[in-house]
Amino acid sequence: MITYRLGSHSFGLGYIAGGEPGVISDGAMSAAFANPKEHTTVVRYDYNFVAMGIPGLTGMIRYMRGSDIDLPQLGGANLKESSKDVEVAYVVQSGPAKNLAIRLRHAFYRNDLDSNATFRSDNETRINFDYTLKIWGPVLAR
């Protein structure tokens, strides 16, 4: 994925062929976009609201489209899938909850695979709470 940053804006574009698992679909909620012979295109936009005076608040929209999927047991060849993802996140900047991240995520996922497929067309909303807990501190020299 290639990303261009301009101030608080980030524009990303990616492409991968052959169903190789990779970071192009990293963070996708509904599917991995790693099917046999799949060609996946990703367009992504991120915004950091620090430029508007709101440090810790970020937003992201992403569109992923997979085509040429070859799954004879799940509907044939030249199948397609797509996902439209929206995310808003806030990281607490100070106080007892400093560095706690809260993410509201929504995905619109569609495919034309057979109904026996693991991933089916669906809409999904998630709220994630992320917090890094330091278990080991710096080692003090004696």
N, C-alpha and C. Protein backbone atom coordinates (compact mmCIF):
# COMPACT_ATOMS: atom_id res chain seq x y z
N MET A 1 0.85 -1.17 0.00
CA MET A 1 0.00 0.00 0.00
C MET A 1 0.89 1.23 0.00
N ILE A 2 0.55 2.16 -0.84
CA ILE A 2 1.27 3.42 -0.91
C ILE A 2 0.39 4.48 -0.28
N THR A 3 0.97 5.26 0.63
CA THR A 3 0.22 6.29 1.32
C THR A 3 0.89 7.64 1.12
N TYR A 4 0.09 8.65 0.79
CA TYR A 4 0.57 10.02 0.63
C TYR A 4 -0.02 10.86 1.75
N ARG A 5 0.83 11.55 2.50
CA ARG A 5 0.37 12.38 3.61
C ARG A 5 0.50 13.85 3.24
N LEU A 6 -0.53 14.59 3.57
CA LEU A 6 -0.53 16.03 3.37
C LEU A 6 -1.18 16.64 4.60
N GLY A 7 -0.36 17.15 5.52
CA GLY A 7 -0.88 17.68 6.77
C GLY A 7 -1.56 16.58 7.57
N SER A 8 -2.81 16.79 7.91
CA SER A 8 -3.57 15.81 8.69
C SER A 8 -4.27 14.77 7.82
N HIS A 9 -4.10 14.87 6.50
CA HIS A 9 -4.76 13.97 5.56
C HIS A 9 -3.79 12.88 5.11
N SER A 10 -4.29 11.64 4.98
CA SER A 10 -3.52 10.54 4.41
C SER A 10 -4.39 9.86 3.36
N PHE A 11 -3.81 9.69 2.16
CA PHE A 11 -4.49 9.03 1.06
C PHE A 11 -3.72 7.77 0.71
N GLY A 12 -4.38 6.62 0.73
CA GLY A 12 -3.70 5.35 0.46
C GLY A 12 -4.31 4.62 -0.71
N LEU A 13 -3.44 3.89 -1.44
CA LEU A 13 -3.87 3.10 -2.57
C LEU A 13 -3.04 1.82 -2.59
N GLY A 14 -3.71 0.68 -2.75
CA GLY A 14 -2.98 -0.58 -2.76
C GLY A 14 -3.60 -1.57 -3.72
N TYR A 15 -2.76 -2.53 -4.14
CA TYR A 15 -3.21 -3.59 -5.04
C TYR A 15 -2.38 -4.82 -4.77
N ILE A 16 -3.03 -5.97 -4.73
CA ILE A 16 -2.31 -7.24 -4.58
C ILE A 16 -3.05 -8.30 -5.41
N ALA A 17 -2.28 -9.16 -6.04
CA ALA A 17 -2.88 -10.20 -6.90
C ALA A 17 -2.51 -11.58 -6.41
N GLY A 18 -3.39 -12.53 -6.65
CA GLY A 18 -3.09 -13.92 -6.37
C GLY A 18 -3.55 -14.43 -5.03
N GLY A 19 -4.30 -13.63 -4.29
CA GLY A 19 -4.82 -14.09 -3.02
C GLY A 19 -3.77 -14.23 -1.95
N GLU A 20 -2.67 -13.54 -2.09
CA GLU A 20 -1.61 -13.60 -1.09
C GLU A 20 -2.06 -12.88 0.18
N PRO A 21 -1.93 -13.53 1.33
CA PRO A 21 -2.25 -12.81 2.56
C PRO A 21 -1.23 -11.70 2.75
N GLY A 22 -1.67 -10.57 3.14
CA GLY A 22 -0.74 -9.46 3.30
C GLY A 22 -1.36 -8.35 4.11
N VAL A 23 -0.63 -7.31 4.23
CA VAL A 23 -1.08 -6.20 5.06
C VAL A 23 -2.07 -5.30 4.35
N ILE A 24 -2.37 -5.58 3.09
CA ILE A 24 -3.29 -4.72 2.35
C ILE A 24 -4.69 -4.74 2.96
N SER A 25 -5.08 -5.87 3.55
CA SER A 25 -6.40 -5.95 4.18
C SER A 25 -6.29 -5.93 5.70
N ASP A 26 -5.15 -5.56 6.22
CA ASP A 26 -4.95 -5.50 7.67
C ASP A 26 -5.98 -4.58 8.30
N GLY A 27 -6.65 -5.07 9.29
CA GLY A 27 -7.66 -4.28 9.97
C GLY A 27 -9.05 -4.43 9.40
N ALA A 28 -9.20 -5.18 8.31
CA ALA A 28 -10.53 -5.39 7.74
C ALA A 28 -11.36 -6.21 8.72
N MET A 29 -12.60 -5.84 8.90
CA MET A 29 -13.45 -6.49 9.90
C MET A 29 -14.10 -7.77 9.38
N SER A 30 -14.47 -7.80 8.13
CA SER A 30 -15.35 -8.86 7.66
C SER A 30 -14.69 -9.98 6.88
N ALA A 31 -13.55 -9.74 6.25
CA ALA A 31 -12.91 -10.77 5.43
C ALA A 31 -11.43 -10.46 5.28
N ALA A 32 -10.67 -11.47 4.88
CA ALA A 32 -9.21 -11.31 4.74
C ALA A 32 -8.79 -10.93 3.32
N PHE A 33 -9.69 -11.05 2.36
CA PHE A 33 -9.38 -10.75 0.96
C PHE A 33 -8.14 -11.53 0.51
N ALA A 34 -8.13 -12.83 0.81
CA ALA A 34 -6.98 -13.69 0.50
C ALA A 34 -7.42 -14.99 -0.17
N ASN A 35 -8.43 -14.91 -1.02
CA ASN A 35 -8.93 -16.09 -1.71
C ASN A 35 -8.03 -16.46 -2.90
N PRO A 36 -8.12 -17.72 -3.36
CA PRO A 36 -7.30 -18.14 -4.50
C PRO A 36 -7.53 -17.25 -5.72
N LYS A 37 -6.42 -16.79 -6.30
CA LYS A 37 -6.38 -15.97 -7.52
C LYS A 37 -7.04 -14.61 -7.37
N GLU A 38 -7.36 -14.20 -6.15
CA GLU A 38 -8.05 -12.92 -5.93
C GLU A 38 -7.13 -11.74 -6.22
N HIS A 39 -7.70 -10.74 -6.85
CA HIS A 39 -7.03 -9.46 -7.08
C HIS A 39 -7.75 -8.43 -6.21
N THR A 40 -7.01 -7.79 -5.31
CA THR A 40 -7.63 -6.87 -4.36
C THR A 40 -7.09 -5.46 -4.55
N THR A 41 -8.01 -4.51 -4.61
CA THR A 41 -7.67 -3.10 -4.70
C THR A 41 -8.20 -2.42 -3.43
N VAL A 42 -7.39 -1.51 -2.88
CA VAL A 42 -7.77 -0.79 -1.67
C VAL A 42 -7.58 0.71 -1.90
N VAL A 43 -8.58 1.48 -1.47
CA VAL A 43 -8.47 2.94 -1.45
C VAL A 43 -8.81 3.34 -0.02
N ARG A 44 -7.96 4.19 0.56
CA ARG A 44 -8.13 4.54 1.97
C ARG A 44 -7.86 6.02 2.20
N TYR A 45 -8.64 6.62 3.12
CA TYR A 45 -8.44 8.01 3.51
C TYR A 45 -8.46 8.08 5.04
N ASP A 46 -7.47 8.73 5.61
CA ASP A 46 -7.40 8.94 7.06
C ASP A 46 -7.32 10.44 7.35
N TYR A 47 -7.88 10.84 8.48
CA TYR A 47 -7.78 12.23 8.91
C TYR A 47 -7.45 12.28 10.40
N ASN A 48 -6.49 13.10 10.77
CA ASN A 48 -6.11 13.31 12.16
C ASN A 48 -6.66 14.67 12.58
N PHE A 49 -7.57 14.68 13.53
CA PHE A 49 -8.26 15.90 13.94
C PHE A 49 -7.41 16.83 14.79
N VAL A 50 -6.15 16.51 15.01
CA VAL A 50 -5.27 17.40 15.77
C VAL A 50 -5.19 18.76 15.07
N ALA A 51 -5.31 18.77 13.75
CA ALA A 51 -5.27 20.02 12.99
C ALA A 51 -6.46 20.92 13.30
N MET A 52 -7.53 20.33 13.82
CA MET A 52 -8.71 21.10 14.20
C MET A 52 -8.74 21.36 15.70
N GLY A 53 -7.63 21.06 16.37
CA GLY A 53 -7.54 21.30 17.81
C GLY A 53 -8.10 20.18 18.66
N ILE A 54 -8.24 18.97 18.11
CA ILE A 54 -8.77 17.83 18.87
C ILE A 54 -7.73 16.71 18.84
N PRO A 55 -6.68 16.81 19.66
CA PRO A 55 -5.67 15.76 19.66
C PRO A 55 -6.26 14.43 20.14
N GLY A 56 -5.85 13.34 19.50
CA GLY A 56 -6.32 12.01 19.88
C GLY A 56 -7.47 11.50 19.04
N LEU A 57 -8.15 12.38 18.31
CA LEU A 57 -9.29 11.97 17.50
C LEU A 57 -8.84 11.73 16.05
N THR A 58 -9.17 10.57 15.51
CA THR A 58 -8.84 10.24 14.13
C THR A 58 -10.05 9.61 13.45
N GLY A 59 -10.05 9.65 12.13
CA GLY A 59 -11.11 9.04 11.35
C GLY A 59 -10.51 8.34 10.15
N MET A 60 -11.20 7.32 9.65
CA MET A 60 -10.72 6.56 8.51
C MET A 60 -11.90 6.03 7.71
N ILE A 61 -11.79 6.10 6.38
CA ILE A 61 -12.73 5.41 5.50
C ILE A 61 -11.88 4.59 4.52
N ARG A 62 -12.38 3.40 4.18
CA ARG A 62 -11.61 2.51 3.30
C ARG A 62 -12.59 1.72 2.42
N TYR A 63 -12.19 1.54 1.17
CA TYR A 63 -12.95 0.70 0.25
C TYR A 63 -12.01 -0.38 -0.27
N MET A 64 -12.42 -1.64 -0.14
CA MET A 64 -11.64 -2.76 -0.67
C MET A 64 -12.53 -3.55 -1.63
N ARG A 65 -11.91 -3.94 -2.73
CA ARG A 65 -12.65 -4.73 -3.72
C ARG A 65 -11.78 -5.89 -4.18
N GLY A 66 -12.30 -7.10 -4.03
CA GLY A 66 -11.62 -8.29 -4.51
C GLY A 66 -12.36 -8.86 -5.70
N SER A 67 -11.61 -9.24 -6.73
CA SER A 67 -12.24 -9.80 -7.94
C SER A 67 -11.45 -11.02 -8.42
N ASP A 68 -12.01 -11.71 -9.38
CA ASP A 68 -11.38 -12.91 -9.98
C ASP A 68 -11.15 -14.02 -8.96
N ILE A 69 -12.01 -14.12 -7.95
CA ILE A 69 -11.89 -15.16 -6.94
C ILE A 69 -12.25 -16.50 -7.56
N ASP A 70 -11.41 -17.50 -7.33
CA ASP A 70 -11.60 -18.83 -7.89
C ASP A 70 -11.93 -19.82 -6.77
N LEU A 71 -13.21 -20.05 -6.54
CA LEU A 71 -13.67 -20.99 -5.52
C LEU A 71 -14.80 -21.84 -6.10
N PRO A 72 -14.47 -22.86 -6.88
CA PRO A 72 -15.52 -23.69 -7.51
C PRO A 72 -16.51 -24.28 -6.52
N GLN A 73 -16.05 -24.66 -5.32
CA GLN A 73 -16.92 -25.27 -4.33
C GLN A 73 -17.87 -24.24 -3.67
N LEU A 74 -17.60 -22.93 -3.90
CA LEU A 74 -18.44 -21.89 -3.29
C LEU A 74 -19.02 -20.93 -4.31
N GLY A 75 -19.30 -21.42 -5.50
CA GLY A 75 -19.98 -20.57 -6.46
C GLY A 75 -19.30 -20.39 -7.79
N GLY A 76 -18.09 -20.88 -7.94
CA GLY A 76 -17.46 -20.80 -9.26
C GLY A 76 -16.22 -19.94 -9.32
N ALA A 77 -16.01 -19.37 -10.50
CA ALA A 77 -14.84 -18.53 -10.74
C ALA A 77 -15.31 -17.10 -11.01
N ASN A 78 -14.36 -16.20 -11.01
CA ASN A 78 -14.63 -14.78 -11.25
C ASN A 78 -15.62 -14.20 -10.25
N LEU A 79 -15.54 -14.65 -9.01
CA LEU A 79 -16.40 -14.13 -7.96
C LEU A 79 -15.83 -12.81 -7.44
N LYS A 80 -16.65 -12.07 -6.69
CA LYS A 80 -16.23 -10.76 -6.18
C LYS A 80 -16.61 -10.60 -4.72
N GLU A 81 -15.88 -9.72 -4.03
CA GLU A 81 -16.24 -9.29 -2.70
C GLU A 81 -15.81 -7.84 -2.54
N SER A 82 -16.49 -7.12 -1.65
CA SER A 82 -16.11 -5.73 -1.39
C SER A 82 -16.46 -5.38 0.05
N SER A 83 -15.74 -4.38 0.56
CA SER A 83 -15.99 -3.91 1.92
C SER A 83 -15.81 -2.41 1.96
N LYS A 84 -16.76 -1.75 2.58
CA LYS A 84 -16.66 -0.31 2.83
C LYS A 84 -16.58 -0.15 4.35
N ASP A 85 -15.47 0.38 4.84
CA ASP A 85 -15.23 0.49 6.28
C ASP A 85 -15.15 1.95 6.71
N VAL A 86 -15.72 2.24 7.87
CA VAL A 86 -15.67 3.57 8.46
C VAL A 86 -15.22 3.39 9.91
N GLU A 87 -14.30 4.25 10.35
CA GLU A 87 -13.80 4.14 11.72
C GLU A 87 -13.54 5.52 12.30
N VAL A 88 -13.95 5.72 13.55
CA VAL A 88 -13.63 6.92 14.31
C VAL A 88 -13.00 6.44 15.60
N ALA A 89 -11.85 7.04 15.96
CA ALA A 89 -11.13 6.59 17.16
C ALA A 89 -10.70 7.79 17.99
N TYR A 90 -10.63 7.57 19.28
CA TYR A 90 -10.13 8.60 20.19
C TYR A 90 -9.19 7.95 21.19
N VAL A 91 -8.03 8.57 21.39
CA VAL A 91 -7.06 8.12 22.39
C VAL A 91 -7.03 9.18 23.49
N VAL A 92 -7.32 8.75 24.72
CA VAL A 92 -7.32 9.66 25.87
C VAL A 92 -5.91 10.22 26.04
N GLN A 93 -5.82 11.54 26.19
CA GLN A 93 -4.53 12.22 26.19
C GLN A 93 -3.89 12.38 27.57
N SER A 94 -4.69 12.37 28.63
CA SER A 94 -4.12 12.57 29.97
C SER A 94 -5.03 11.97 31.03
N GLY A 95 -4.54 11.96 32.26
CA GLY A 95 -5.34 11.44 33.37
C GLY A 95 -5.14 9.96 33.58
N PRO A 96 -5.96 9.36 34.46
CA PRO A 96 -5.80 7.94 34.78
C PRO A 96 -6.04 7.00 33.59
N ALA A 97 -6.80 7.44 32.61
CA ALA A 97 -7.08 6.59 31.44
C ALA A 97 -6.19 6.96 30.25
N LYS A 98 -5.10 7.68 30.50
CA LYS A 98 -4.20 8.10 29.42
C LYS A 98 -3.80 6.90 28.55
N ASN A 99 -3.85 7.10 27.24
CA ASN A 99 -3.52 6.11 26.21
C ASN A 99 -4.59 5.05 25.99
N LEU A 100 -5.73 5.15 26.67
CA LEU A 100 -6.85 4.27 26.37
C LEU A 100 -7.45 4.72 25.04
N ALA A 101 -7.58 3.79 24.11
CA ALA A 101 -8.16 4.11 22.80
C ALA A 101 -9.55 3.49 22.69
N ILE A 102 -10.47 4.27 22.16
CA ILE A 102 -11.83 3.81 21.94
C ILE A 102 -12.09 3.98 20.44
N ARG A 103 -12.47 2.87 19.78
CA ARG A 103 -12.72 2.90 18.34
C ARG A 103 -14.14 2.45 18.03
N LEU A 104 -14.84 3.24 17.25
CA LEU A 104 -16.15 2.87 16.73
C LEU A 104 -15.94 2.53 15.26
N ARG A 105 -16.29 1.29 14.87
CA ARG A 105 -16.03 0.80 13.52
C ARG A 105 -17.31 0.25 12.90
N HIS A 106 -17.46 0.47 11.61
CA HIS A 106 -18.59 -0.09 10.89
C HIS A 106 -18.12 -0.57 9.52
N ALA A 107 -18.61 -1.73 9.10
CA ALA A 107 -18.24 -2.29 7.80
C ALA A 107 -19.50 -2.74 7.06
N PHE A 108 -19.52 -2.46 5.77
CA PHE A 108 -20.54 -2.95 4.85
C PHE A 108 -19.83 -3.94 3.95
N TYR A 109 -20.05 -5.24 4.14
CA TYR A 109 -19.35 -6.28 3.37
C TYR A 109 -20.32 -6.98 2.44
N ARG A 110 -19.92 -7.16 1.18
CA ARG A 110 -20.74 -7.86 0.20
C ARG A 110 -19.88 -8.83 -0.60
N ASN A 111 -20.48 -9.98 -0.97
CA ASN A 111 -19.80 -10.91 -1.88
C ASN A 111 -20.86 -11.70 -2.64
N ASP A 112 -20.41 -12.38 -3.68
CA ASP A 112 -21.33 -13.22 -4.45
C ASP A 112 -20.95 -14.69 -4.33
N LEU A 113 -20.36 -15.06 -3.19
CA LEU A 113 -20.01 -16.45 -2.93
C LEU A 113 -21.27 -17.24 -2.55
N ASP A 114 -21.19 -18.54 -2.63
CA ASP A 114 -22.28 -19.43 -2.25
C ASP A 114 -22.64 -19.22 -0.78
N SER A 115 -23.85 -19.55 -0.41
CA SER A 115 -24.30 -19.35 0.97
C SER A 115 -23.56 -20.23 1.98
N ASN A 116 -22.79 -21.23 1.52
CA ASN A 116 -21.99 -22.06 2.42
C ASN A 116 -20.67 -21.41 2.80
N ALA A 117 -20.35 -20.27 2.22
CA ALA A 117 -19.08 -19.60 2.49
C ALA A 117 -19.03 -19.11 3.94
N THR A 118 -17.83 -19.08 4.48
CA THR A 118 -17.64 -18.58 5.85
C THR A 118 -18.03 -17.12 5.96
N PHE A 119 -17.60 -16.32 4.98
CA PHE A 119 -17.90 -14.89 4.98
C PHE A 119 -19.11 -14.64 4.10
N ARG A 120 -20.16 -14.09 4.69
CA ARG A 120 -21.38 -13.80 3.96
C ARG A 120 -21.59 -12.28 3.94
N SER A 121 -22.36 -11.80 2.98
CA SER A 121 -22.69 -10.38 2.94
C SER A 121 -23.29 -9.98 4.27
N ASP A 122 -22.79 -8.88 4.82
CA ASP A 122 -23.23 -8.49 6.16
C ASP A 122 -22.85 -7.04 6.44
N ASN A 123 -23.48 -6.46 7.42
CA ASN A 123 -23.10 -5.17 7.98
C ASN A 123 -22.70 -5.43 9.42
N GLU A 124 -21.65 -4.79 9.86
CA GLU A 124 -21.09 -5.06 11.18
C GLU A 124 -20.70 -3.76 11.87
N THR A 125 -21.02 -3.64 13.16
CA THR A 125 -20.58 -2.49 13.95
C THR A 125 -19.85 -3.03 15.17
N ARG A 126 -18.71 -2.43 15.47
CA ARG A 126 -17.93 -2.84 16.64
C ARG A 126 -17.45 -1.62 17.41
N ILE A 127 -17.32 -1.81 18.70
CA ILE A 127 -16.67 -0.82 19.55
C ILE A 127 -15.47 -1.53 20.17
N ASN A 128 -14.28 -0.99 19.94
CA ASN A 128 -13.05 -1.58 20.47
C ASN A 128 -12.47 -0.66 21.53
N PHE A 129 -11.97 -1.27 22.60
CA PHE A 129 -11.21 -0.56 23.63
C PHE A 129 -9.80 -1.13 23.59
N ASP A 130 -8.82 -0.28 23.35
CA ASP A 130 -7.43 -0.72 23.25
C ASP A 130 -6.63 -0.02 24.34
N TYR A 131 -5.84 -0.82 25.07
CA TYR A 131 -4.98 -0.24 26.09
C TYR A 131 -3.72 -1.09 26.20
N THR A 132 -2.58 -0.43 26.14
CA THR A 132 -1.32 -1.14 26.28
C THR A 132 -0.90 -1.09 27.73
N LEU A 133 -0.68 -2.25 28.28
CA LEU A 133 -0.28 -2.37 29.67
C LEU A 133 1.21 -2.70 29.73
N LYS A 134 2.00 -1.83 30.35
CA LYS A 134 3.42 -2.10 30.47
C LYS A 134 3.63 -3.08 31.63
N ILE A 135 4.16 -4.24 31.31
CA ILE A 135 4.41 -5.25 32.33
C ILE A 135 5.84 -5.15 32.85
N TRP A 136 6.77 -4.94 31.93
CA TRP A 136 8.17 -4.80 32.31
C TRP A 136 8.59 -3.36 32.06
N GLY A 137 9.14 -2.76 33.08
CA GLY A 137 9.66 -1.41 32.95
C GLY A 137 11.12 -1.45 32.55
N PRO A 138 11.73 -0.31 32.45
CA PRO A 138 13.16 -0.29 32.10
C PRO A 138 13.98 -0.96 33.21
N VAL A 139 15.03 -1.64 32.79
CA VAL A 139 15.92 -2.31 33.74
C VAL A 139 16.87 -1.26 34.31
N LEU A 140 16.92 -1.19 35.62
CA LEU A 140 17.80 -0.21 36.26
C LEU A 140 19.20 -0.80 36.43
N ALA A 141 20.19 0.01 36.10
CA ALA A 141 21.59 -0.41 36.28
C ALA A 141 21.96 -0.30 37.75
N ARG A 142 22.72 -1.25 38.25
CA ARG A 142 23.13 -1.21 39.65
C ARG A 142 24.55 -0.82 39.77
